[in-house]
């Protein structure tokens, strides 16, 4: 048996739209283990691709 969803895609879209309307430039929406919507918003710029740590598997599976 399945359980009815606690929220819909529109709820997540509304949360993201609200955070952006509030002036946040970076918005991340996730679902916690209890099934609650978690919104993380920040004005910090996104990290540059070079500043992200290299993945050790890149030498085995090169990026495309």
C-alpha atoms as a PDB file:
ATOM      1  CA  UNK A   1       0.000   0.000   0.000  1.00  0.00           C
ATOM      2  CA  UNK A   2       1.135   3.523  -0.640  1.00  0.00           C
ATOM      3  CA  UNK A   3       0.680   6.589   1.478  1.00  0.00           C
ATOM      4  CA  UNK A   4      -0.690   9.815   0.033  1.00  0.00           C
ATOM      5  CA  UNK A   5       1.944  12.492  -0.543  1.00  0.00           C
ATOM      6  CA  UNK A   6       2.188  15.142   2.154  1.00  0.00           C
ATOM      7  CA  UNK A   7       2.838  17.850  -0.422  1.00  0.00           C
ATOM      8  CA  UNK A   8       2.685  18.390  -4.149  1.00  0.00           C
ATOM      9  CA  UNK A   9       5.137  19.644  -6.730  1.00  0.00           C
ATOM     10  CA  UNK A  10       3.305  22.985  -6.672  1.00  0.00           C
ATOM     11  CA  UNK A  11       4.170  23.332  -2.969  1.00  0.00           C
ATOM     12  CA  UNK A  12       7.876  22.950  -3.699  1.00  0.00           C
ATOM     13  CA  UNK A  13       7.683  25.359  -6.642  1.00  0.00           C
ATOM     14  CA  UNK A  14       5.854  27.859  -4.433  1.00  0.00           C
ATOM     15  CA  UNK A  15       8.556  27.603  -1.744  1.00  0.00           C
ATOM     16  CA  UNK A  16      11.329  28.225  -4.299  1.00  0.00           C
ATOM     17  CA  UNK A  17       9.459  31.094  -5.905  1.00  0.00           C
ATOM     18  CA  UNK A  18       8.837  32.692  -2.508  1.00  0.00           C
ATOM     19  CA  UNK A  19      12.498  32.492  -1.525  1.00  0.00           C
ATOM     20  CA  UNK A  20      13.582  34.062  -4.810  1.00  0.00           C
ATOM     21  CA  UNK A  21      10.935  36.773  -4.462  1.00  0.00           C
ATOM     22  CA  UNK A  22      12.351  37.497  -0.987  1.00  0.00           C
ATOM     23  CA  UNK A  23      15.662  38.328  -2.689  1.00  0.00           C
ATOM     24  CA  UNK A  24      17.698  35.173  -2.197  1.00  0.00           C
ATOM     25  CA  UNK A  25      19.931  34.321  -5.139  1.00  0.00           C
ATOM     26  CA  UNK A  26      20.611  30.673  -4.226  1.00  0.00           C
ATOM     27  CA  UNK A  27      17.697  28.479  -3.215  1.00  0.00           C
ATOM     28  CA  UNK A  28      17.850  24.786  -2.423  1.00  0.00           C
ATOM     29  CA  UNK A  29      14.770  22.758  -1.581  1.00  0.00           C
ATOM     30  CA  UNK A  30      14.944  19.288  -0.092  1.00  0.00           C
ATOM     31  CA  UNK A  31      12.841  16.771   1.753  1.00  0.00           C
ATOM     32  CA  UNK A  32      13.937  15.597   5.203  1.00  0.00           C
ATOM     33  CA  UNK A  33      13.485  12.071   6.569  1.00  0.00           C
ATOM     34  CA  UNK A  34      10.183  13.020   8.204  1.00  0.00           C
ATOM     35  CA  UNK A  35       8.814  14.143   4.832  1.00  0.00           C
ATOM     36  CA  UNK A  36       8.967  17.881   5.505  1.00  0.00           C
ATOM     37  CA  UNK A  37       9.993  20.450   2.912  1.00  0.00           C
ATOM     38  CA  UNK A  38      13.323  22.090   3.837  1.00  0.00           C
ATOM     39  CA  UNK A  39      14.285  25.360   2.132  1.00  0.00           C
ATOM     40  CA  UNK A  40      17.888  26.583   2.295  1.00  0.00           C
ATOM     41  CA  UNK A  41      18.340  30.078   0.891  1.00  0.00           C
ATOM     42  CA  UNK A  42      21.447  32.243   0.636  1.00  0.00           C
ATOM     43  CA  UNK A  43      22.751  35.406  -0.965  1.00  0.00           C
ATOM     44  CA  UNK A  44      26.236  33.918  -1.341  1.00  0.00           C
ATOM     45  CA  UNK A  45      27.451  33.391  -4.909  1.00  0.00           C
ATOM     46  CA  UNK A  46      27.661  29.817  -6.157  1.00  0.00           C
ATOM     47  CA  UNK A  47      31.108  28.245  -5.732  1.00  0.00           C
ATOM     48  CA  UNK A  48      33.189  28.172  -8.866  1.00  0.00           C
ATOM     49  CA  UNK A  49      33.668  24.786 -10.496  1.00  0.00           C
ATOM     50  CA  UNK A  50      37.414  25.000  -9.861  1.00  0.00           C
ATOM     51  CA  UNK A  51      36.918  25.438  -6.110  1.00  0.00           C
ATOM     52  CA  UNK A  52      34.957  22.204  -5.797  1.00  0.00           C
ATOM     53  CA  UNK A  53      37.131  19.322  -4.631  1.00  0.00           C
ATOM     54  CA  UNK A  54      38.091  16.884  -7.353  1.00  0.00           C
ATOM     55  CA  UNK A  55      36.312  13.564  -7.350  1.00  0.00           C
ATOM     56  CA  UNK A  56      38.850  10.710  -7.092  1.00  0.00           C
ATOM     57  CA  UNK A  57      36.798   8.659  -9.564  1.00  0.00           C
ATOM     58  CA  UNK A  58      37.366  11.259 -12.297  1.00  0.00           C
ATOM     59  CA  UNK A  59      40.632   9.518 -13.214  1.00  0.00           C
ATOM     60  CA  UNK A  60      38.685   6.283 -13.811  1.00  0.00           C
ATOM     61  CA  UNK A  61      35.544   7.804 -15.326  1.00  0.00           C
ATOM     62  CA  UNK A  62      36.602  11.024 -17.100  1.00  0.00           C
ATOM     63  CA  UNK A  63      34.127  13.877 -17.337  1.00  0.00           C
ATOM     64  CA  UNK A  64      32.398  14.454 -20.633  1.00  0.00           C
END
